[in-house]
Amino acid sequence: MPDENDFKDFSITDKVNYLVRNTEEINTRDELAKKLEKDQLVIKYGVDPTSTEIHLGHLVPILKLKEFQDLGYDITFLIGDFTARIGDPTGKDESRK
Protein backbone atom coordinates (compact mmCIF):
# COMPACT_ATOMS: atom_id res chain seq x y z
CA MET A 1 0.00 0.00 0.00
CA PRO A 2 1.36 3.42 -0.87
CA ASP A 3 1.56 6.06 1.82
CA GLU A 4 1.90 9.83 1.70
CA ASN A 5 5.71 9.58 1.57
CA ASP A 6 5.40 7.92 -1.83
CA PHE A 7 3.72 11.10 -3.10
CA LYS A 8 5.71 13.78 -1.25
CA ASP A 9 7.39 15.03 -4.45
CA PHE A 10 4.15 15.19 -6.45
CA SER A 11 3.34 18.57 -7.97
CA ILE A 12 -0.24 19.82 -7.97
CA THR A 13 -0.54 18.61 -11.58
CA ASP A 14 0.71 15.15 -10.56
CA LYS A 15 -1.85 15.07 -7.74
CA VAL A 16 -4.69 16.07 -10.08
CA ASN A 17 -3.66 13.38 -12.57
CA TYR A 18 -3.53 10.80 -9.77
CA LEU A 19 -6.97 11.74 -8.45
CA VAL A 20 -8.77 11.86 -11.80
CA ARG A 21 -7.69 8.32 -12.72
CA ASN A 22 -10.70 6.01 -12.88
CA THR A 23 -12.99 9.02 -12.54
CA GLU A 24 -15.82 9.56 -14.94
CA GLU A 25 -16.56 13.19 -14.17
CA ILE A 26 -15.01 16.11 -12.31
CA ASN A 27 -16.06 19.76 -12.31
CA THR A 28 -12.78 21.00 -13.81
CA ARG A 29 -9.14 20.10 -13.40
CA ASP A 30 -8.36 23.76 -12.62
CA GLU A 31 -10.92 23.85 -9.80
CA LEU A 32 -9.54 20.63 -8.36
CA ALA A 33 -5.98 21.99 -8.58
CA LYS A 34 -6.98 25.17 -6.70
CA LYS A 35 -8.53 23.11 -3.93
CA LEU A 36 -5.50 20.83 -3.70
CA GLU A 37 -3.21 23.83 -3.25
CA LYS A 38 -4.86 24.60 0.08
CA ASP A 39 -2.89 23.12 2.96
CA GLN A 40 -6.03 22.90 5.10
CA LEU A 41 -8.05 20.78 2.65
CA VAL A 42 -10.23 18.27 4.52
CA ILE A 43 -12.42 15.83 2.62
CA LYS A 44 -15.58 14.65 4.36
CA TYR A 45 -17.83 11.76 3.40
CA GLY A 46 -21.01 10.90 5.24
CA VAL A 47 -22.79 7.57 5.37
CA ASP A 48 -26.41 6.89 6.25
CA PRO A 49 -26.44 4.31 9.07
CA THR A 50 -30.11 3.49 8.54
CA SER A 51 -29.66 2.08 5.04
CA THR A 52 -30.76 -1.53 4.76
CA GLU A 53 -28.49 -2.43 1.86
CA ILE A 54 -24.85 -2.09 0.99
CA HIS A 55 -23.43 -2.73 -2.47
CA LEU A 56 -20.24 -2.34 -4.44
CA GLY A 57 -21.17 1.23 -5.35
CA HIS A 58 -20.55 2.24 -1.73
CA LEU A 59 -16.89 1.29 -2.13
CA VAL A 60 -16.20 3.74 -4.97
CA PRO A 61 -16.11 6.97 -2.91
CA ILE A 62 -14.21 5.19 -0.12
CA LEU A 63 -11.47 4.20 -2.58
CA LYS A 64 -11.32 7.79 -3.83
CA LEU A 65 -10.99 9.00 -0.23
CA LYS A 66 -8.03 6.66 0.14
CA GLU A 67 -6.35 8.34 -2.82
CA PHE A 68 -6.76 11.76 -1.16
CA GLN A 69 -5.35 10.26 2.03
CA ASP A 70 -2.39 8.81 0.09
CA LEU A 71 -1.59 12.36 -1.03
CA GLY A 72 -1.52 13.55 2.58
CA TYR A 73 -4.94 15.20 2.86
CA ASP A 74 -7.13 14.82 5.93
CA ILE A 75 -10.10 12.52 5.53
CA THR A 76 -13.19 12.59 7.73
CA PHE A 77 -15.51 9.62 7.41
CA LEU A 78 -18.83 10.31 9.10
CA ILE A 79 -21.44 7.82 10.11
CA GLY A 80 -24.33 10.13 10.77
CA ASP A 81 -26.40 9.74 13.84
CA PHE A 82 -27.93 13.21 14.13
CA THR A 83 -29.75 13.13 10.79
CA ALA A 84 -30.70 9.51 11.42
CA ARG A 85 -32.40 10.57 14.65
CA ILE A 86 -34.35 13.54 13.25
CA GLY A 87 -35.19 12.25 9.79
CA ASP A 88 -34.46 13.29 6.24
CA PRO A 89 -33.95 17.07 5.90
CA THR A 90 -35.21 17.09 2.30
CA GLY A 91 -38.75 17.89 3.35
CA LYS A 92 -40.12 14.40 3.83
CA ASP A 93 -42.65 14.24 6.63
CA GLU A 94 -41.60 10.90 8.07
CA SER A 95 -38.80 10.36 10.53
CA ARG A 96 -36.43 7.50 9.95
CA LYS A 97 -36.95 4.35 11.94
PDB file of N, CA and C in Angstrom:
ATOM      1  N   MET A   1       0.829  -1.186   0.000  1.00  0.00           N
ATOM      2  CA  MET A   1       0.000   0.000   0.000  1.00  0.00           C
ATOM      3  C   MET A   1       0.872   1.249   0.000  1.00  0.00           C
ATOM      4  N   PRO A   2       0.588   2.184  -0.895  1.00  0.00           N
ATOM      5  CA  PRO A   2       1.358   3.425  -0.871  1.00  0.00           C
ATOM      6  C   PRO A   2       0.967   4.269   0.337  1.00  0.00           C
ATOM      7  N   ASP A   3       1.898   5.102   0.775  1.00  0.00           N
ATOM      8  CA  ASP A   3       1.557   6.058   1.819  1.00  0.00           C
ATOM      9  C   ASP A   3       1.958   7.446   1.337  1.00  0.00           C
ATOM     10  N   GLU A   4       1.692   8.459   2.160  1.00  0.00           N
ATOM     11  CA  GLU A   4       1.904   9.827   1.699  1.00  0.00           C
ATOM     12  C   GLU A   4       3.364  10.112   1.367  1.00  0.00           C
ATOM     13  N   ASN A   5       4.312   9.373   1.920  1.00  0.00           N
ATOM     14  CA  ASN A   5       5.715   9.577   1.575  1.00  0.00           C
ATOM     15  C   ASN A   5       6.008   9.215   0.123  1.00  0.00           C
ATOM     16  N   ASP A   6       5.229   8.291  -0.434  1.00  0.00           N
ATOM     17  CA  ASP A   6       5.404   7.916  -1.830  1.00  0.00           C
ATOM     18  C   ASP A   6       5.015   9.054  -2.772  1.00  0.00           C
ATOM     19  N   PHE A   7       4.252  10.015  -2.271  1.00  0.00           N
ATOM     20  CA  PHE A   7       3.721  11.095  -3.100  1.00  0.00           C
ATOM     21  C   PHE A   7       4.256  12.466  -2.691  1.00  0.00           C
ATOM     22  N   LYS A   8       5.256  12.505  -1.810  1.00  0.00           N
ATOM     23  CA  LYS A   8       5.711  13.782  -1.255  1.00  0.00           C
ATOM     24  C   LYS A   8       6.288  14.713  -2.308  1.00  0.00           C
ATOM     25  N   ASP A   9       6.808  14.193  -3.401  1.00  0.00           N
ATOM     26  CA  ASP A   9       7.390  15.027  -4.450  1.00  0.00           C
ATOM     27  C   ASP A   9       6.408  15.320  -5.588  1.00  0.00           C
ATOM     28  N   PHE A  10       5.158  14.939  -5.416  1.00  0.00           N
ATOM     29  CA  PHE A  10       4.152  15.194  -6.446  1.00  0.00           C
ATOM     30  C   PHE A  10       3.864  16.687  -6.537  1.00  0.00           C
ATOM     31  N   SER A  11       3.805  17.203  -7.750  1.00  0.00           N
ATOM     32  CA  SER A  11       3.344  18.570  -7.973  1.00  0.00           C
ATOM     33  C   SER A  11       1.813  18.562  -7.930  1.00  0.00           C
ATOM     34  N   ILE A  12       1.227  19.740  -7.940  1.00  0.00           N
ATOM     35  CA  ILE A  12      -0.245  19.816  -7.973  1.00  0.00           C
ATOM     36  C   ILE A  12      -0.764  19.113  -9.220  1.00  0.00           C
ATOM     37  N   THR A  13      -0.108  19.282 -10.343  1.00  0.00           N
ATOM     38  CA  THR A  13      -0.538  18.608 -11.579  1.00  0.00           C
ATOM     39  C   THR A  13      -0.469  17.096 -11.429  1.00  0.00           C
ATOM     40  N   ASP A  14       0.596  16.595 -10.803  1.00  0.00           N
ATOM     41  CA  ASP A  14       0.710  15.153 -10.562  1.00  0.00           C
ATOM     42  C   ASP A  14      -0.429  14.661  -9.670  1.00  0.00           C
ATOM     43  N   LYS A  15      -0.763  15.452  -8.645  1.00  0.00           N
ATOM     44  CA  LYS A  15      -1.848  15.074  -7.741  1.00  0.00           C
ATOM     45  C   LYS A  15      -3.182  15.038  -8.478  1.00  0.00           C
ATOM     46  N   VAL A  16      -3.440  16.049  -9.307  1.00  0.00           N
ATOM     47  CA  VAL A  16      -4.686  16.071 -10.080  1.00  0.00           C
ATOM     48  C   VAL A  16      -4.748  14.847 -10.980  1.00  0.00           C
ATOM     49  N   ASN A  17      -3.672  14.553 -11.678  1.00  0.00           N
ATOM     50  CA  ASN A  17      -3.657  13.384 -12.571  1.00  0.00           C
ATOM     51  C   ASN A  17      -3.892  12.090 -11.806  1.00  0.00           C
ATOM     52  N   TYR A  18      -3.331  11.986 -10.608  1.00  0.00           N
ATOM     53  CA  TYR A  18      -3.527  10.800  -9.769  1.00  0.00           C
ATOM     54  C   TYR A  18      -4.989  10.667  -9.346  1.00  0.00           C
ATOM     55  N   LEU A  19      -5.598  11.790  -8.966  1.00  0.00           N
ATOM     56  CA  LEU A  19      -6.967  11.744  -8.454  1.00  0.00           C
ATOM     57  C   LEU A  19      -8.022  11.547  -9.545  1.00  0.00           C
ATOM     58  N   VAL A  20      -7.753  11.989 -10.755  1.00  0.00           N
ATOM     59  CA  VAL A  20      -8.769  11.857 -11.801  1.00  0.00           C
ATOM     60  C   VAL A  20      -8.717  10.497 -12.505  1.00  0.00           C
ATOM     61  N   ARG A  21      -7.716   9.676 -12.166  1.00  0.00           N
ATOM     62  CA  ARG A  21      -7.690   8.321 -12.716  1.00  0.00           C
ATOM     63  C   ARG A  21      -8.973   7.604 -12.298  1.00  0.00           C
ATOM     64  N   ASN A  22      -9.508   6.806 -13.172  1.00  0.00           N
ATOM     65  CA  ASN A  22     -10.701   6.007 -12.882  1.00  0.00           C
ATOM     66  C   ASN A  22     -11.885   6.866 -12.450  1.00  0.00           C
ATOM     67  N   THR A  23     -11.899   8.114 -12.882  1.00  0.00           N
ATOM     68  CA  THR A  23     -12.993   9.020 -12.537  1.00  0.00           C
ATOM     69  C   THR A  23     -13.742   9.382 -13.803  1.00  0.00           C
ATOM     70  N   GLU A  24     -15.037   9.262 -13.752  1.00  0.00           N
ATOM     71  CA  GLU A  24     -15.824   9.556 -14.941  1.00  0.00           C
ATOM     72  C   GLU A  24     -16.038  11.047 -15.128  1.00  0.00           C
ATOM     73  N   GLU A  25     -16.226  11.781 -14.036  1.00  0.00           N
ATOM     74  CA  GLU A  25     -16.562  13.192 -14.166  1.00  0.00           C
ATOM     75  C   GLU A  25     -15.990  13.990 -13.000  1.00  0.00           C
ATOM     76  N   ILE A  26     -15.419  15.137 -13.313  1.00  0.00           N
ATOM     77  CA  ILE A  26     -15.012  16.115 -12.310  1.00  0.00           C
ATOM     78  C   ILE A  26     -15.503  17.467 -12.789  1.00  0.00           C
ATOM     79  N   ASN A  27     -15.608  18.429 -11.885  1.00  0.00           N
ATOM     80  CA  ASN A  27     -16.056  19.761 -12.315  1.00  0.00           C
ATOM     81  C   ASN A  27     -15.062  20.328 -13.321  1.00  0.00           C
ATOM     82  N   THR A  28     -13.858  20.637 -12.893  1.00  0.00           N
ATOM     83  CA  THR A  28     -12.778  20.996 -13.807  1.00  0.00           C
ATOM     84  C   THR A  28     -11.461  20.656 -13.136  1.00  0.00           C
ATOM     85  N   ARG A  29     -10.470  20.378 -13.937  1.00  0.00           N
ATOM     86  CA  ARG A  29      -9.141  20.099 -13.396  1.00  0.00           C
ATOM     87  C   ARG A  29      -8.585  21.335 -12.681  1.00  0.00           C
ATOM     88  N   ASP A  30      -8.863  22.528 -13.238  1.00  0.00           N
ATOM     89  CA  ASP A  30      -8.359  23.755 -12.621  1.00  0.00           C
ATOM     90  C   ASP A  30      -8.961  23.966 -11.234  1.00  0.00           C
ATOM     91  N   GLU A  31     -10.260  23.706 -11.102  1.00  0.00           N
ATOM     92  CA  GLU A  31     -10.918  23.854  -9.802  1.00  0.00           C
ATOM     93  C   GLU A  31     -10.348  22.853  -8.799  1.00  0.00           C
ATOM     94  N   LEU A  32     -10.130  21.631  -9.233  1.00  0.00           N
ATOM     95  CA  LEU A  32      -9.536  20.627  -8.359  1.00  0.00           C
ATOM     96  C   LEU A  32      -8.128  21.052  -7.950  1.00  0.00           C
ATOM     97  N   ALA A  33      -7.349  21.554  -8.887  1.00  0.00           N
ATOM     98  CA  ALA A  33      -5.979  21.991  -8.584  1.00  0.00           C
ATOM     99  C   ALA A  33      -5.985  23.114  -7.549  1.00  0.00           C
ATOM    100  N   LYS A  34      -6.897  24.078  -7.679  1.00  0.00           N
ATOM    101  CA  LYS A  34      -6.978  25.175  -6.702  1.00  0.00           C
ATOM    102  C   LYS A  34      -7.292  24.654  -5.309  1.00  0.00           C
ATOM    103  N   LYS A  35      -8.180  23.679  -5.235  1.00  0.00           N
ATOM    104  CA  LYS A  35      -8.535  23.115  -3.934  1.00  0.00           C
ATOM    105  C   LYS A  35      -7.381  22.317  -3.341  1.00  0.00           C
ATOM    106  N   LEU A  36      -6.627  21.633  -4.186  1.00  0.00           N
ATOM    107  CA  LEU A  36      -5.503  20.832  -3.701  1.00  0.00           C
ATOM    108  C   LEU A  36      -4.355  21.697  -3.196  1.00  0.00           C
ATOM    109  N   GLU A  37      -4.269  22.925  -3.688  1.00  0.00           N
ATOM    110  CA  GLU A  37      -3.205  23.833  -3.253  1.00  0.00           C
ATOM    111  C   GLU A  37      -3.389  24.287  -1.810  1.00  0.00           C
ATOM    112  N   LYS A  38      -4.593  24.192  -1.298  1.00  0.00           N
ATOM    113  CA  LYS A  38      -4.856  24.603   0.079  1.00  0.00           C
ATOM    114  C   LYS A  38      -4.272  23.571   1.035  1.00  0.00           C
ATOM    115  N   ASP A  39      -3.477  24.030   1.988  1.00  0.00           N
ATOM    116  CA  ASP A  39      -2.895  23.115   2.963  1.00  0.00           C
ATOM    117  C   ASP A  39      -3.937  22.563   3.922  1.00  0.00           C
ATOM    118  N   GLN A  40      -5.025  23.272   4.109  1.00  0.00           N
ATOM    119  CA  GLN A  40      -6.032  22.896   5.098  1.00  0.00           C
ATOM    120  C   GLN A  40      -7.162  22.047   4.500  1.00  0.00           C
ATOM    121  N   LEU A  41      -6.993  21.537   3.308  1.00  0.00           N
ATOM    122  CA  LEU A  41      -8.052  20.778   2.650  1.00  0.00           C
ATOM    123  C   LEU A  41      -8.420  19.543   3.464  1.00  0.00           C
ATOM    124  N   VAL A  42      -9.702  19.433   3.800  1.00  0.00           N
ATOM    125  CA  VAL A  42     -10.231  18.275   4.516  1.00  0.00           C
ATOM    126  C   VAL A  42     -11.387  17.737   3.681  1.00  0.00           C
ATOM    127  N   ILE A  43     -11.367  16.458   3.399  1.00  0.00           N
ATOM    128  CA  ILE A  43     -12.424  15.831   2.616  1.00  0.00           C
ATOM    129  C   ILE A  43     -13.315  15.057   3.566  1.00  0.00           C
ATOM    130  N   LYS A  44     -14.620  15.317   3.472  1.00  0.00           N
ATOM    131  CA  LYS A  44     -15.581  14.654   4.357  1.00  0.00           C
ATOM    132  C   LYS A  44     -16.537  13.811   3.517  1.00  0.00           C
ATOM    133  N   TYR A  45     -16.876  12.658   4.061  1.00  0.00           N
ATOM    134  CA  TYR A  45     -17.833  11.763   3.396  1.00  0.00           C
ATOM    135  C   TYR A  45     -18.755  11.196   4.462  1.00  0.00           C
ATOM    136  N   GLY A  46     -20.035  11.374   4.262  1.00  0.00           N
ATOM    137  CA  GLY A  46     -21.009  10.902   5.237  1.00  0.00           C
ATOM    138  C   GLY A  46     -21.772   9.691   4.745  1.00  0.00           C
ATOM    139  N   VAL A  47     -22.086   8.812   5.678  1.00  0.00           N
ATOM    140  CA  VAL A  47     -22.790   7.573   5.370  1.00  0.00           C
ATOM    141  C   VAL A  47     -24.064   7.508   6.204  1.00  0.00           C
ATOM    142  N   ASP A  48     -25.128   7.050   5.583  1.00  0.00           N
ATOM    143  CA  ASP A  48     -26.414   6.893   6.254  1.00  0.00           C
ATOM    144  C   ASP A  48     -26.431   5.551   6.997  1.00  0.00           C
ATOM    145  N   PRO A  49     -26.469   5.569   8.319  1.00  0.00           N
ATOM    146  CA  PRO A  49     -26.437   4.311   9.071  1.00  0.00           C
ATOM    147  C   PRO A  49     -27.755   3.555   9.058  1.00  0.00           C
ATOM    148  N   THR A  50     -28.806   4.168   8.521  1.00  0.00           N
ATOM    149  CA  THR A  50     -30.105   3.494   8.536  1.00  0.00           C
ATOM    150  C   THR A  50     -30.383   2.727   7.247  1.00  0.00           C
ATOM    151  N   SER A  51     -29.470   2.790   6.296  1.00  0.00           N
ATOM    152  CA  SER A  51     -29.663   2.083   5.039  1.00  0.00           C
ATOM    153  C   SER A  51     -29.724   0.576   5.292  1.00  0.00           C
ATOM    154  N   THR A  52     -30.593  -0.087   4.567  1.00  0.00           N
ATOM    155  CA  THR A  52     -30.755  -1.528   4.758  1.00  0.00           C
ATOM    156  C   THR A  52     -29.886  -2.345   3.813  1.00  0.00           C
ATOM    157  N   GLU A  53     -29.281  -1.691   2.827  1.00  0.00           N
ATOM    158  CA  GLU A  53     -28.489  -2.428   1.859  1.00  0.00           C
ATOM    159  C   GLU A  53     -27.132  -1.774   1.670  1.00  0.00           C
ATOM    160  N   ILE A  54     -26.170  -2.580   1.378  1.00  0.00           N
ATOM    161  CA  ILE A  54     -24.853  -2.091   0.992  1.00  0.00           C
ATOM    162  C   ILE A  54     -24.461  -2.819  -0.278  1.00  0.00           C
ATOM    163  N   HIS A  55     -23.822  -2.121  -1.198  1.00  0.00           N
ATOM    164  CA  HIS A  55     -23.433  -2.731  -2.466  1.00  0.00           C
ATOM    165  C   HIS A  55     -22.076  -2.181  -2.899  1.00  0.00           C
ATOM    166  N   LEU A  56     -21.564  -2.706  -3.972  1.00  0.00           N
ATOM    167  CA  LEU A  56     -20.236  -2.345  -4.443  1.00  0.00           C
ATOM    168  C   LEU A  56     -20.108  -0.847  -4.716  1.00  0.00           C
ATOM    169  N   GLY A  57     -21.191  -0.207  -5.082  1.00  0.00           N
ATOM    170  CA  GLY A  57     -21.174   1.227  -5.348  1.00  0.00           C
ATOM    171  C   GLY A  57     -20.759   2.049  -4.141  1.00  0.00           C
ATOM    172  N   HIS A  58     -20.967   1.532  -2.942  1.00  0.00           N
ATOM    173  CA  HIS A  58     -20.548   2.241  -1.733  1.00  0.00           C
ATOM    174  C   HIS A  58     -19.025   2.284  -1.593  1.00  0.00           C
ATOM    175  N   LEU A  59     -18.340   1.356  -2.235  1.00  0.00           N
ATOM    176  CA  LEU A  59     -16.888   1.286  -2.126  1.00  0.00           C
ATOM    177  C   LEU A  59     -16.185   2.351  -2.975  1.00  0.00           C
ATOM    178  N   VAL A  60     -16.827   2.797  -4.031  1.00  0.00           N
ATOM    179  CA  VAL A  60     -16.200   3.736  -4.971  1.00  0.00           C
ATOM    180  C   VAL A  60     -15.738   5.023  -4.282  1.00  0.00           C
ATOM    181  N   PRO A  61     -16.595   5.742  -3.558  1.00  0.00           N
ATOM    182  CA  PRO A  61     -16.109   6.970  -2.906  1.00  0.00           C
ATOM    183  C   PRO A  61     -15.091   6.683  -1.801  1.00  0.00           C
ATOM    184  N   ILE A  62     -15.175   5.527  -1.162  1.00  0.00           N
ATOM    185  CA  ILE A  62     -14.209   5.189  -0.118  1.00  0.00           C
ATOM    186  C   ILE A  62     -12.821   4.994  -0.731  1.00  0.00           C
ATOM    187  N   LEU A  63     -12.754   4.364  -1.893  1.00  0.00           N
ATOM    188  CA  LEU A  63     -11.474   4.198  -2.579  1.00  0.00           C
ATOM    189  C   LEU A  63     -10.908   5.548  -3.012  1.00  0.00           C
ATOM    190  N   LYS A  64     -11.778   6.455  -3.437  1.00  0.00           N
ATOM    191  CA  LYS A  64     -11.317   7.786  -3.828  1.00  0.00           C
ATOM    192  C   LYS A  64     -10.817   8.549  -2.611  1.00  0.00           C
ATOM    193  N   LEU A  65     -11.474   8.386  -1.467  1.00  0.00           N
ATOM    194  CA  LEU A  65     -10.987   9.004  -0.233  1.00  0.00           C
ATOM    195  C   LEU A  65      -9.587   8.505   0.104  1.00  0.00           C
ATOM    196  N   LYS A  66      -9.338   7.229  -0.124  1.00  0.00           N
ATOM    197  CA  LYS A  66      -8.027   6.659   0.143  1.00  0.00           C
ATOM    198  C   LYS A  66      -6.960   7.328  -0.720  1.00  0.00           C
ATOM    199  N   GLU A  67      -7.299   7.660  -1.953  1.00  0.00           N
ATOM    200  CA  GLU A  67      -6.347   8.339  -2.819  1.00  0.00           C
ATOM    201  C   GLU A  67      -6.009   9.727  -2.265  1.00  0.00           C
ATOM    202  N   PHE A  68      -7.018  10.461  -1.797  1.00  0.00           N
ATOM    203  CA  PHE A  68      -6.758  11.759  -1.164  1.00  0.00           C
ATOM    204  C   PHE A  68      -5.866  11.571   0.064  1.00  0.00           C
ATOM    205  N   GLN A  69      -6.146  10.541   0.831  1.00  0.00           N
ATOM    206  CA  GLN A  69      -5.352  10.260   2.026  1.00  0.00           C
ATOM    207  C   GLN A  69      -3.910   9.916   1.644  1.00  0.00           C
ATOM    208  N   ASP A  70      -3.727   9.151   0.577  1.00  0.00           N
ATOM    209  CA  ASP A  70      -2.386   8.814   0.094  1.00  0.00           C
ATOM    210  C   ASP A  70      -1.573  10.073  -0.202  1.00  0.00           C
ATOM    211  N   LEU A  71      -2.263  11.105  -0.683  1.00  0.00           N
ATOM    212  CA  LEU A  71      -1.592  12.359  -1.033  1.00  0.00           C
ATOM    213  C   LEU A  71      -1.361  13.255   0.178  1.00  0.00           C
ATOM    214  N   GLY A  72      -1.796  12.809   1.353  1.00  0.00           N
ATOM    215  CA  GLY A  72      -1.523  13.554   2.577  1.00  0.00           C
ATOM    216  C   GLY A  72      -2.645  14.451   3.057  1.00  0.00           C
ATOM    217  N   TYR A  73      -3.809  14.371   2.443  1.00  0.00           N
ATOM    218  CA  TYR A  73      -4.941  15.204   2.859  1.00  0.00           C
ATOM    219  C   TYR A  73      -5.702  14.522   3.989  1.00  0.00           C
ATOM    220  N   ASP A  74      -6.355  15.347   4.810  1.00  0.00           N
ATOM    221  CA  ASP A  74      -7.131  14.824   5.932  1.00  0.00           C
ATOM    222  C   ASP A  74      -8.482  14.327   5.443  1.00  0.00           C
ATOM    223  N   ILE A  75      -8.838  13.146   5.898  1.00  0.00           N
ATOM    224  CA  ILE A  75     -10.104  12.522   5.527  1.00  0.00           C
ATOM    225  C   ILE A  75     -10.966  12.401   6.776  1.00  0.00           C
ATOM    226  N   THR A  76     -12.230  12.778   6.649  1.00  0.00           N
ATOM    227  CA  THR A  76     -13.187  12.595   7.729  1.00  0.00           C
ATOM    228  C   THR A  76     -14.304  11.717   7.196  1.00  0.00           C
ATOM    229  N   PHE A  77     -14.460  10.559   7.793  1.00  0.00           N
ATOM    230  CA  PHE A  77     -15.514   9.617   7.406  1.00  0.00           C
ATOM    231  C   PHE A  77     -16.578   9.666   8.484  1.00  0.00           C
ATOM    232  N   LEU A  78     -17.758  10.123   8.128  1.00  0.00           N
ATOM    233  CA  LEU A  78     -18.829  10.312   9.097  1.00  0.00           C
ATOM    234  C   LEU A  78     -19.881   9.229   8.966  1.00  0.00           C
ATOM    235  N   ILE A  79     -20.273   8.691  10.079  1.00  0.00           N
ATOM    236  CA  ILE A  79     -21.442   7.822  10.105  1.00  0.00           C
ATOM    237  C   ILE A  79     -22.464   8.606  10.894  1.00  0.00           C
ATOM    238  N   GLY A  80     -23.414   9.170  10.169  1.00  0.00           N
ATOM    239  CA  GLY A  80     -24.329  10.133  10.766  1.00  0.00           C
ATOM    240  C   GLY A  80     -25.283   9.524  11.758  1.00  0.00           C
ATOM    241  N   ASP A  81     -25.379  10.163  12.895  1.00  0.00           N
ATOM    242  CA  ASP A  81     -26.401   9.742  13.838  1.00  0.00           C
ATOM    243  C   ASP A  81     -27.411  10.860  14.066  1.00  0.00           C
ATOM    244  N   PHE A  82     -26.999  12.106  13.897  1.00  0.00           N
ATOM    245  CA  PHE A  82     -27.928  13.213  14.133  1.00  0.00           C
ATOM    246  C   PHE A  82     -29.067  13.197  13.113  1.00  0.00           C
ATOM    247  N   THR A  83     -28.717  13.163  11.827  1.00  0.00           N
ATOM    248  CA  THR A  83     -29.746  13.127  10.793  1.00  0.00           C
ATOM    249  C   THR A  83     -30.586  11.863  10.909  1.00  0.00           C
ATOM    250  N   ALA A  84     -29.963  10.767  11.274  1.00  0.00           N
ATOM    251  CA  ALA A  84     -30.698   9.513  11.421  1.00  0.00           C
ATOM    252  C   ALA A  84     -31.745   9.630  12.523  1.00  0.00           C
ATOM    253  N   ARG A  85     -31.447  10.420  13.552  1.00  0.00           N
ATOM    254  CA  ARG A  85     -32.404  10.570  14.648  1.00  0.00           C
ATOM    255  C   ARG A  85     -33.555  11.507  14.296  1.00  0.00           C
ATOM    256  N   ILE A  86     -33.294  12.553  13.500  1.00  0.00           N
ATOM    257  CA  ILE A  86     -34.349  13.541  13.246  1.00  0.00           C
ATOM    258  C   ILE A  86     -35.075  13.330  11.937  1.00  0.00           C
ATOM    259  N   GLY A  87     -34.529  12.504  11.058  1.00  0.00           N
ATOM    260  CA  GLY A  87     -35.187  12.252   9.790  1.00  0.00           C
ATOM    261  C   GLY A  87     -34.506  12.964   8.640  1.00  0.00           C
ATOM    262  N   ASP A  88     -35.031  12.755   7.471  1.00  0.00           N
ATOM    263  CA  ASP A  88     -34.462  13.288   6.241  1.00  0.00           C
ATOM    264  C   ASP A  88     -34.748  14.781   6.148  1.00  0.00           C
ATOM    265  N   PRO A  89     -33.734  15.626   5.960  1.00  0.00           N
ATOM    266  CA  PRO A  89     -33.947  17.068   5.899  1.00  0.00           C
ATOM    267  C   PRO A  89     -34.449  17.563   4.553  1.00  0.00           C
ATOM    268  N   THR A  90     -34.791  16.671   3.634  1.00  0.00           N
ATOM    269  CA  THR A  90     -35.211  17.092   2.299  1.00  0.00           C
ATOM    270  C   THR A  90     -36.683  17.448   2.228  1.00  0.00           C
ATOM    271  N   GLY A  91     -37.360  17.498   3.348  1.00  0.00           N
ATOM    272  CA  GLY A  91     -38.754  17.894   3.352  1.00  0.00           C
ATOM    273  C   GLY A  91     -39.722  16.741   3.502  1.00  0.00           C
ATOM    274  N   LYS A  92     -39.228  15.537   3.617  1.00  0.00           N
ATOM    275  CA  LYS A  92     -40.118  14.401   3.829  1.00  0.00           C
ATOM    276  C   LYS A  92     -40.724  14.517   5.222  1.00  0.00           C
ATOM    277  N   ASP A  93     -41.946  14.106   5.355  1.00  0.00           N
ATOM    278  CA  ASP A  93     -42.653  14.236   6.630  1.00  0.00           C
ATOM    279  C   ASP A  93     -42.325  13.149   7.638  1.00  0.00           C
ATOM    280  N   GLU A  94     -41.837  12.012   7.158  1.00  0.00           N
ATOM    281  CA  GLU A  94     -41.602  10.904   8.072  1.00  0.00           C
ATOM    282  C   GLU A  94     -40.195  10.921   8.652  1.00  0.00           C
ATOM    283  N   SER A  95     -40.099  10.557   9.919  1.00  0.00           N
ATOM    284  CA  SER A  95     -38.796  10.364  10.527  1.00  0.00           C
ATOM    285  C   SER A  95     -38.290   8.984  10.180  1.00  0.00           C
ATOM    286  N   ARG A  96     -36.997   8.822  10.213  1.00  0.00           N
ATOM    287  CA  ARG A  96     -36.426   7.502   9.954  1.00  0.00           C
ATOM    288  C   ARG A  96     -36.682   6.602  11.137  1.00  0.00           C
ATOM    289  N   LYS A  97     -36.715   5.331  10.871  1.00  0.00           N
ATOM    290  CA  LYS A  97     -36.952   4.353  11.935  1.00  0.00           C
ATOM    291  C   LYS A  97     -35.657   4.072  12.664  1.00  0.00           C
TER     292      LYS A  97
END
